[in-house]
Amino acid sequence: MVTALIDPEIARKKFRRELALWTATNIHQERGWILLRSDEDALLLEIAFLARVSISVGSGPLPAVVCAIRLTYENYDLWPPSLTFIDAFTRQPARPHVRAFMPMGDGPRDVLIDAHPDTGLPFFCVAGIREYHSHPQHTGDSWLLHRSLGEGSVSTVCDRVWRYMARNVVGLGINIQALPGWPLQAQLAIQIAQGHIQEPQPPALPEVLEQDEVPAPSK
């Protein structure tokens, strides 16, 4: 049971606002974000993320749920939202099928940490998430430094989960290993493969002509 540090009605009002902003555009449909559950009394959302998985040449991509999350907004926005990875069917805490690769200057960094010291569950180690700010290694990066930036909003959190965990899915990795003995047997392992996605470059600006390069008007 979480102690209420702010008026519950204020928390519900902020929760409704976050959900309304999330559903105001079609971006969640275009990117394959599926709302599994919304509970205003419990201040929680459950969202699944689809990825386009290539399975064969000449056929369309296979939509696959690569991760699902539960966001809870108790005491928001005095507290940041909490994020728990869940099984999309049972809704129980579960390890996602993909990793979370954040692009950095020196290469991608995996921000899916296997166990939080308080919960023992995998957590999304990104600013704006309660598990990030409550981690002992991030005591110098207070949530209050991020609150005004909107980093705890449903839209921002979903955008980051999508970019780091779903958008970069490129296909399936298949590994077949022969087992010793007779009759011959084999072990088949199938994993979702992730790769680097090149960000689109902004359009080139037209070159500015120097004064003496301006063409003379036609006669």
C-alpha atoms as a PDB file:
ATOM      1  CA  MET A   1       0.000   0.000   0.000  1.00  0.00           C
ATOM      2  CA  VAL A   2       1.484   3.324  -1.083  1.00  0.00           C
ATOM      3  CA  THR A   3       1.086   6.265   1.273  1.00  0.00           C
ATOM      4  CA  ALA A   4      -0.761   9.160  -0.363  1.00  0.00           C
ATOM      5  CA  LEU A   5       1.460  12.232  -0.203  1.00  0.00           C
ATOM      6  CA  ILE A   6      -0.784  14.384  -2.380  1.00  0.00           C
ATOM      7  CA  ASP A   7      -4.559  14.688  -2.671  1.00  0.00           C
ATOM      8  CA  PRO A   8      -5.756  11.512  -4.470  1.00  0.00           C
ATOM      9  CA  GLU A   9      -8.163  13.572  -6.581  1.00  0.00           C
ATOM     10  CA  ILE A  10      -5.277  15.748  -7.788  1.00  0.00           C
ATOM     11  CA  ALA A  11      -3.326  12.594  -8.672  1.00  0.00           C
ATOM     12  CA  ARG A  12      -6.311  11.221 -10.608  1.00  0.00           C
ATOM     13  CA  LYS A  13      -6.725  14.530 -12.427  1.00  0.00           C
ATOM     14  CA  LYS A  14      -3.082  14.464 -13.513  1.00  0.00           C
ATOM     15  CA  PHE A  15      -3.435  10.814 -14.508  1.00  0.00           C
ATOM     16  CA  ARG A  16      -6.457  11.612 -16.686  1.00  0.00           C
ATOM     17  CA  ARG A  17      -4.521  14.456 -18.288  1.00  0.00           C
ATOM     18  CA  GLU A  18      -1.587  12.179 -19.105  1.00  0.00           C
ATOM     19  CA  LEU A  19      -3.879   9.574 -20.661  1.00  0.00           C
ATOM     20  CA  ALA A  20      -5.732  12.233 -22.668  1.00  0.00           C
ATOM     21  CA  LEU A  21      -2.473  13.617 -24.051  1.00  0.00           C
ATOM     22  CA  TRP A  22      -1.353  10.096 -24.962  1.00  0.00           C
ATOM     23  CA  THR A  23      -4.539   9.359 -26.898  1.00  0.00           C
ATOM     24  CA  ALA A  24      -4.819  12.808 -28.514  1.00  0.00           C
ATOM     25  CA  THR A  25      -2.811  11.746 -31.570  1.00  0.00           C
ATOM     26  CA  ASN A  26      -2.553   8.610 -33.686  1.00  0.00           C
ATOM     27  CA  ILE A  27       1.143   8.122 -32.999  1.00  0.00           C
ATOM     28  CA  HIS A  28       0.462   5.206 -30.633  1.00  0.00           C
ATOM     29  CA  GLN A  29      -1.447   3.425 -33.413  1.00  0.00           C
ATOM     30  CA  GLU A  30       1.202   4.151 -36.039  1.00  0.00           C
ATOM     31  CA  ARG A  31       3.956   2.799 -33.803  1.00  0.00           C
ATOM     32  CA  GLY A  32       2.098  -0.261 -32.503  1.00  0.00           C
ATOM     33  CA  TRP A  33       1.466   0.785 -28.910  1.00  0.00           C
ATOM     34  CA  ILE A  34      -1.562  -1.117 -27.573  1.00  0.00           C
ATOM     35  CA  LEU A  35      -3.380  -0.022 -24.433  1.00  0.00           C
ATOM     36  CA  LEU A  36      -4.127  -3.213 -22.501  1.00  0.00           C
ATOM     37  CA  ARG A  37      -5.611  -1.643 -19.392  1.00  0.00           C
ATOM     38  CA  SER A  38      -6.361   1.729 -17.861  1.00  0.00           C
ATOM     39  CA  ASP A  39      -7.416   1.982 -14.207  1.00  0.00           C
ATOM     40  CA  GLU A  40      -8.042   5.482 -12.901  1.00  0.00           C
ATOM     41  CA  ASP A  41      -8.609   4.307  -9.315  1.00  0.00           C
ATOM     42  CA  ALA A  42      -5.301   2.418  -9.249  1.00  0.00           C
ATOM     43  CA  LEU A  43      -3.581   5.145 -11.315  1.00  0.00           C
ATOM     44  CA  LEU A  44      -2.075   2.625 -13.709  1.00  0.00           C
ATOM     45  CA  LEU A  45      -1.746   1.858 -17.391  1.00  0.00           C
ATOM     46  CA  GLU A  46      -0.666  -1.360 -19.078  1.00  0.00           C
ATOM     47  CA  ILE A  47       0.727  -1.016 -22.600  1.00  0.00           C
ATOM     48  CA  ALA A  48       2.101  -3.546 -25.090  1.00  0.00           C
ATOM     49  CA  PHE A  49       4.632  -2.682 -27.801  1.00  0.00           C
ATOM     50  CA  LEU A  50       4.514  -4.334 -31.202  1.00  0.00           C
ATOM     51  CA  ALA A  51       7.505  -4.683 -33.500  1.00  0.00           C
ATOM     52  CA  ARG A  52       7.664  -5.592 -37.184  1.00  0.00           C
ATOM     53  CA  VAL A  53       9.533  -8.879 -37.410  1.00  0.00           C
ATOM     54  CA  SER A  54      10.767  -9.968 -40.844  1.00  0.00           C
ATOM     55  CA  ILE A  55      10.282 -13.697 -41.278  1.00  0.00           C
ATOM     56  CA  SER A  56      10.711 -14.391 -45.006  1.00  0.00           C
ATOM     57  CA  VAL A  57      11.452 -12.718 -48.308  1.00  0.00           C
ATOM     58  CA  GLY A  58       8.386 -11.476 -50.155  1.00  0.00           C
ATOM     59  CA  SER A  59       5.972 -11.511 -47.218  1.00  0.00           C
ATOM     60  CA  GLY A  60       4.998  -8.666 -44.942  1.00  0.00           C
ATOM     61  CA  PRO A  61       6.446  -8.286 -41.448  1.00  0.00           C
ATOM     62  CA  LEU A  62       4.999 -10.297 -38.573  1.00  0.00           C
ATOM     63  CA  PRO A  63       3.680  -8.070 -35.747  1.00  0.00           C
ATOM     64  CA  ALA A  64       5.040  -9.362 -32.437  1.00  0.00           C
ATOM     65  CA  VAL A  65       4.700  -8.134 -28.858  1.00  0.00           C
ATOM     66  CA  VAL A  66       8.321  -7.642 -27.805  1.00  0.00           C
ATOM     67  CA  CYS A  67       7.572  -6.087 -24.425  1.00  0.00           C
ATOM     68  CA  ALA A  68       4.713  -4.895 -22.242  1.00  0.00           C
ATOM     69  CA  ILE A  69       4.837  -2.463 -19.335  1.00  0.00           C
ATOM     70  CA  ARG A  70       2.777  -1.351 -16.369  1.00  0.00           C
ATOM     71  CA  LEU A  71       3.033   2.342 -15.499  1.00  0.00           C
ATOM     72  CA  THR A  72       1.765   3.465 -12.099  1.00  0.00           C
ATOM     73  CA  TYR A  73       1.287   7.109 -11.216  1.00  0.00           C
ATOM     74  CA  GLU A  74       0.907   7.203  -7.435  1.00  0.00           C
ATOM     75  CA  ASN A  75       1.705  10.637  -5.983  1.00  0.00           C
ATOM     76  CA  TYR A  76       2.369  12.015  -9.465  1.00  0.00           C
ATOM     77  CA  ASP A  77       4.110  14.279 -10.124  1.00  0.00           C
ATOM     78  CA  LEU A  78       5.728  14.552  -6.715  1.00  0.00           C
ATOM     79  CA  TRP A  79       7.001  11.097  -7.639  1.00  0.00           C
ATOM     80  CA  PRO A  80       7.920   9.909 -11.136  1.00  0.00           C
ATOM     81  CA  PRO A  81       5.928   7.000 -12.578  1.00  0.00           C
ATOM     82  CA  SER A  82       6.991   3.451 -11.792  1.00  0.00           C
ATOM     83  CA  LEU A  83       7.595   1.079 -14.719  1.00  0.00           C
ATOM     84  CA  THR A  84       7.300  -2.695 -14.426  1.00  0.00           C
ATOM     85  CA  PHE A  85       7.808  -5.082 -17.333  1.00  0.00           C
ATOM     86  CA  ILE A  86       4.939  -7.575 -17.490  1.00  0.00           C
ATOM     87  CA  ASP A  87       3.728 -10.575 -19.457  1.00  0.00           C
ATOM     88  CA  ALA A  88       1.081  -9.346 -21.917  1.00  0.00           C
ATOM     89  CA  PHE A  89      -1.140 -12.376 -21.172  1.00  0.00           C
ATOM     90  CA  THR A  90      -0.821 -12.981 -17.434  1.00  0.00           C
ATOM     91  CA  ARG A  91       0.029  -9.347 -16.537  1.00  0.00           C
ATOM     92  CA  GLN A  92       2.584 -10.678 -14.050  1.00  0.00           C
ATOM     93  CA  PRO A  93       6.100  -9.198 -13.834  1.00  0.00           C
ATOM     94  CA  ALA A  94       8.240 -10.752 -16.555  1.00  0.00           C
ATOM     95  CA  ARG A  95      11.516 -10.224 -18.352  1.00  0.00           C
ATOM     96  CA  PRO A  96      10.978  -8.650 -21.795  1.00  0.00           C
ATOM     97  CA  HIS A  97      11.953 -10.504 -24.967  1.00  0.00           C
ATOM     98  CA  VAL A  98      14.338  -7.748 -26.065  1.00  0.00           C
ATOM     99  CA  ARG A  99      17.022  -5.529 -24.562  1.00  0.00           C
ATOM    100  CA  ALA A 100      16.896  -1.717 -24.333  1.00  0.00           C
ATOM    101  CA  PHE A 101      19.647  -0.074 -26.388  1.00  0.00           C
ATOM    102  CA  MET A 102      20.017   3.677 -25.923  1.00  0.00           C
ATOM    103  CA  PRO A 103      22.096   5.394 -28.644  1.00  0.00           C
ATOM    104  CA  MET A 104      25.158   7.125 -27.168  1.00  0.00           C
ATOM    105  CA  GLY A 105      28.116   8.959 -28.644  1.00  0.00           C
ATOM    106  CA  ASP A 106      30.408   5.972 -28.047  1.00  0.00           C
ATOM    107  CA  GLY A 107      27.877   3.369 -29.169  1.00  0.00           C
ATOM    108  CA  PRO A 108      24.604   1.898 -27.880  1.00  0.00           C
ATOM    109  CA  ARG A 109      24.194   1.338 -24.143  1.00  0.00           C
ATOM    110  CA  ASP A 110      21.888  -1.321 -22.714  1.00  0.00           C
ATOM    111  CA  VAL A 111      19.616   0.433 -20.201  1.00  0.00           C
ATOM    112  CA  LEU A 112      17.634  -2.695 -19.287  1.00  0.00           C
ATOM    113  CA  ILE A 113      19.111  -3.674 -15.916  1.00  0.00           C
ATOM    114  CA  ASP A 114      18.420  -7.233 -14.805  1.00  0.00           C
ATOM    115  CA  ALA A 115      17.531  -6.563 -11.156  1.00  0.00           C
ATOM    116  CA  HIS A 116      16.664  -3.472  -9.125  1.00  0.00           C
ATOM    117  CA  PRO A 117      18.043  -3.612  -5.559  1.00  0.00           C
ATOM    118  CA  ASP A 118      14.595  -2.863  -4.071  1.00  0.00           C
ATOM    119  CA  THR A 119      12.385  -5.142  -6.185  1.00  0.00           C
ATOM    120  CA  GLY A 120      14.736  -7.691  -7.733  1.00  0.00           C
ATOM    121  CA  LEU A 121      12.907  -7.116 -11.049  1.00  0.00           C
ATOM    122  CA  PRO A 122      14.328  -5.932 -14.385  1.00  0.00           C
ATOM    123  CA  PHE A 123      14.036  -2.165 -14.693  1.00  0.00           C
ATOM    124  CA  PHE A 124      14.268   0.548 -17.329  1.00  0.00           C
ATOM    125  CA  CYS A 125      17.279   2.596 -16.248  1.00  0.00           C
ATOM    126  CA  VAL A 126      16.231   5.934 -17.753  1.00  0.00           C
ATOM    127  CA  ALA A 127      15.598   9.316 -16.135  1.00  0.00           C
ATOM    128  CA  GLY A 128      11.915   9.971 -15.504  1.00  0.00           C
ATOM    129  CA  ILE A 129      11.306   6.448 -14.164  1.00  0.00           C
ATOM    130  CA  ARG A 130      10.909   5.893 -10.401  1.00  0.00           C
ATOM    131  CA  GLU A 131      13.203   2.864 -10.361  1.00  0.00           C
ATOM    132  CA  TYR A 132      15.973   4.946 -11.946  1.00  0.00           C
ATOM    133  CA  HIS A 133      15.741   7.771  -9.423  1.00  0.00           C
ATOM    134  CA  SER A 134      15.431   5.394  -6.438  1.00  0.00           C
ATOM    135  CA  HIS A 135      18.561   3.458  -7.416  1.00  0.00           C
ATOM    136  CA  PRO A 136      21.517   4.114  -5.072  1.00  0.00           C
ATOM    137  CA  GLN A 137      23.775   5.009  -8.009  1.00  0.00           C
ATOM    138  CA  HIS A 138      21.471   7.849  -9.097  1.00  0.00           C
ATOM    139  CA  THR A 139      21.019   9.731  -5.836  1.00  0.00           C
ATOM    140  CA  GLY A 140      22.636  12.779  -7.443  1.00  0.00           C
ATOM    141  CA  ASP A 141      20.107  12.861 -10.282  1.00  0.00           C
ATOM    142  CA  SER A 142      16.909  13.879  -8.505  1.00  0.00           C
ATOM    143  CA  TRP A 143      13.510  13.517 -10.147  1.00  0.00           C
ATOM    144  CA  LEU A 144      12.915  17.181  -9.315  1.00  0.00           C
ATOM    145  CA  LEU A 145      15.530  18.053 -11.938  1.00  0.00           C
ATOM    146  CA  HIS A 146      13.451  16.284 -14.589  1.00  0.00           C
ATOM    147  CA  ARG A 147       9.868  16.898 -13.489  1.00  0.00           C
ATOM    148  CA  SER A 148       9.374  20.144 -15.408  1.00  0.00           C
ATOM    149  CA  LEU A 149      10.754  18.540 -18.610  1.00  0.00           C
ATOM    150  CA  GLY A 150       7.811  16.143 -18.957  1.00  0.00           C
ATOM    151  CA  GLU A 151      10.045  13.074 -18.759  1.00  0.00           C
ATOM    152  CA  GLY A 152       7.486  11.183 -16.688  1.00  0.00           C
ATOM    153  CA  SER A 153       4.632  11.651 -19.159  1.00  0.00           C
ATOM    154  CA  VAL A 154       3.050   8.578 -20.736  1.00  0.00           C
ATOM    155  CA  SER A 155       4.008   9.812 -24.195  1.00  0.00           C
ATOM    156  CA  THR A 156       7.678  10.366 -23.307  1.00  0.00           C
ATOM    157  CA  VAL A 157       8.051   7.036 -21.500  1.00  0.00           C
ATOM    158  CA  CYS A 158       6.383   5.130 -24.347  1.00  0.00           C
ATOM    159  CA  ASP A 159       8.500   6.901 -26.940  1.00  0.00           C
ATOM    160  CA  ARG A 160      11.679   5.819 -25.156  1.00  0.00           C
ATOM    161  CA  VAL A 161      10.545   2.234 -24.678  1.00  0.00           C
ATOM    162  CA  TRP A 162       9.620   2.089 -28.367  1.00  0.00           C
ATOM    163  CA  ARG A 163      12.890   3.619 -29.578  1.00  0.00           C
ATOM    164  CA  TYR A 164      15.158   1.493 -27.390  1.00  0.00           C
ATOM    165  CA  MET A 165      13.241  -1.811 -27.422  1.00  0.00           C
ATOM    166  CA  ALA A 166      10.778  -2.127 -30.332  1.00  0.00           C
ATOM    167  CA  ARG A 167      11.776   0.160 -33.176  1.00  0.00           C
ATOM    168  CA  ASN A 168      15.204  -1.466 -33.495  1.00  0.00           C
ATOM    169  CA  VAL A 169      13.874  -5.000 -33.989  1.00  0.00           C
ATOM    170  CA  VAL A 170      15.187  -6.225 -37.341  1.00  0.00           C
ATOM    171  CA  GLY A 171      14.139  -9.885 -37.458  1.00  0.00           C
ATOM    172  CA  LEU A 172      14.689 -13.257 -35.867  1.00  0.00           C
ATOM    173  CA  GLY A 173      17.930 -14.939 -34.915  1.00  0.00           C
ATOM    174  CA  ILE A 174      17.838 -18.738 -35.255  1.00  0.00           C
ATOM    175  CA  ASN A 175      20.420 -21.087 -33.770  1.00  0.00           C
ATOM    176  CA  ILE A 176      20.384 -24.861 -34.355  1.00  0.00           C
ATOM    177  CA  GLN A 177      22.698 -27.053 -32.319  1.00  0.00           C
ATOM    178  CA  ALA A 178      23.115 -30.783 -32.925  1.00  0.00           C
ATOM    179  CA  LEU A 179      22.983 -32.912 -29.771  1.00  0.00           C
ATOM    180  CA  PRO A 180      25.174 -35.993 -29.304  1.00  0.00           C
ATOM    181  CA  GLY A 181      23.631 -39.425 -29.286  1.00  0.00           C
ATOM    182  CA  TRP A 182      21.371 -41.540 -31.403  1.00  0.00           C
ATOM    183  CA  PRO A 183      18.880 -40.982 -32.845  1.00  0.00           C
ATOM    184  CA  LEU A 184      20.095 -37.602 -33.969  1.00  0.00           C
ATOM    185  CA  GLN A 185      18.489 -34.678 -32.177  1.00  0.00           C
ATOM    186  CA  ALA A 186      18.827 -30.939 -32.450  1.00  0.00           C
ATOM    187  CA  GLN A 187      18.142 -28.002 -30.184  1.00  0.00           C
ATOM    188  CA  LEU A 188      16.478 -24.993 -31.765  1.00  0.00           C
ATOM    189  CA  ALA A 189      16.699 -21.506 -30.244  1.00  0.00           C
ATOM    190  CA  ILE A 190      14.857 -18.526 -31.723  1.00  0.00           C
ATOM    191  CA  GLN A 191      15.501 -15.000 -30.517  1.00  0.00           C
ATOM    192  CA  ILE A 192      14.312 -11.575 -31.591  1.00  0.00           C
ATOM    193  CA  ALA A 193      17.216  -9.751 -33.237  1.00  0.00           C
ATOM    194  CA  GLN A 194      17.844  -6.053 -32.701  1.00  0.00           C
ATOM    195  CA  GLY A 195      20.054  -3.772 -34.733  1.00  0.00           C
ATOM    196  CA  HIS A 196      21.052  -0.161 -35.209  1.00  0.00           C
ATOM    197  CA  ILE A 197      18.424   2.047 -36.806  1.00  0.00           C
ATOM    198  CA  GLN A 198      19.821   5.044 -38.653  1.00  0.00           C
ATOM    199  CA  GLU A 199      18.026   8.195 -37.603  1.00  0.00           C
ATOM    200  CA  PRO A 200      16.684  10.205 -40.561  1.00  0.00           C
ATOM    201  CA  GLN A 201      18.822  13.185 -41.435  1.00  0.00           C
ATOM    202  CA  PRO A 202      17.212  16.630 -41.657  1.00  0.00           C
ATOM    203  CA  PRO A 203      16.846  17.990 -45.192  1.00  0.00           C
ATOM    204  CA  ALA A 204      19.820  19.976 -46.436  1.00  0.00           C
ATOM    205  CA  LEU A 205      19.419  23.722 -46.310  1.00  0.00           C
ATOM    206  CA  PRO A 206      19.806  25.605 -49.584  1.00  0.00           C
ATOM    207  CA  GLU A 207      23.213  27.154 -50.053  1.00  0.00           C
ATOM    208  CA  VAL A 208      23.385  30.874 -49.417  1.00  0.00           C
ATOM    209  CA  LEU A 209      24.962  32.757 -52.316  1.00  0.00           C
ATOM    210  CA  GLU A 210      27.536  35.394 -51.633  1.00  0.00           C
ATOM    211  CA  GLN A 211      26.665  38.902 -52.759  1.00  0.00           C
ATOM    212  CA  ASP A 212      28.818  38.687 -55.877  1.00  0.00           C
ATOM    213  CA  GLU A 213      27.326  35.285 -56.728  1.00  0.00           C
ATOM    214  CA  VAL A 214      23.729  36.433 -56.933  1.00  0.00           C
ATOM    215  CA  PRO A 215      22.649  35.850 -60.542  1.00  0.00           C
ATOM    216  CA  ALA A 216      21.730  38.922 -62.536  1.00  0.00           C
ATOM    217  CA  PRO A 217      18.058  39.294 -63.371  1.00  0.00           C
ATOM    218  CA  SER A 218      17.114  37.978 -66.784  1.00  0.00           C
ATOM    219  CA  LYS A 219      16.272  40.515 -69.480  1.00  0.00           C
END
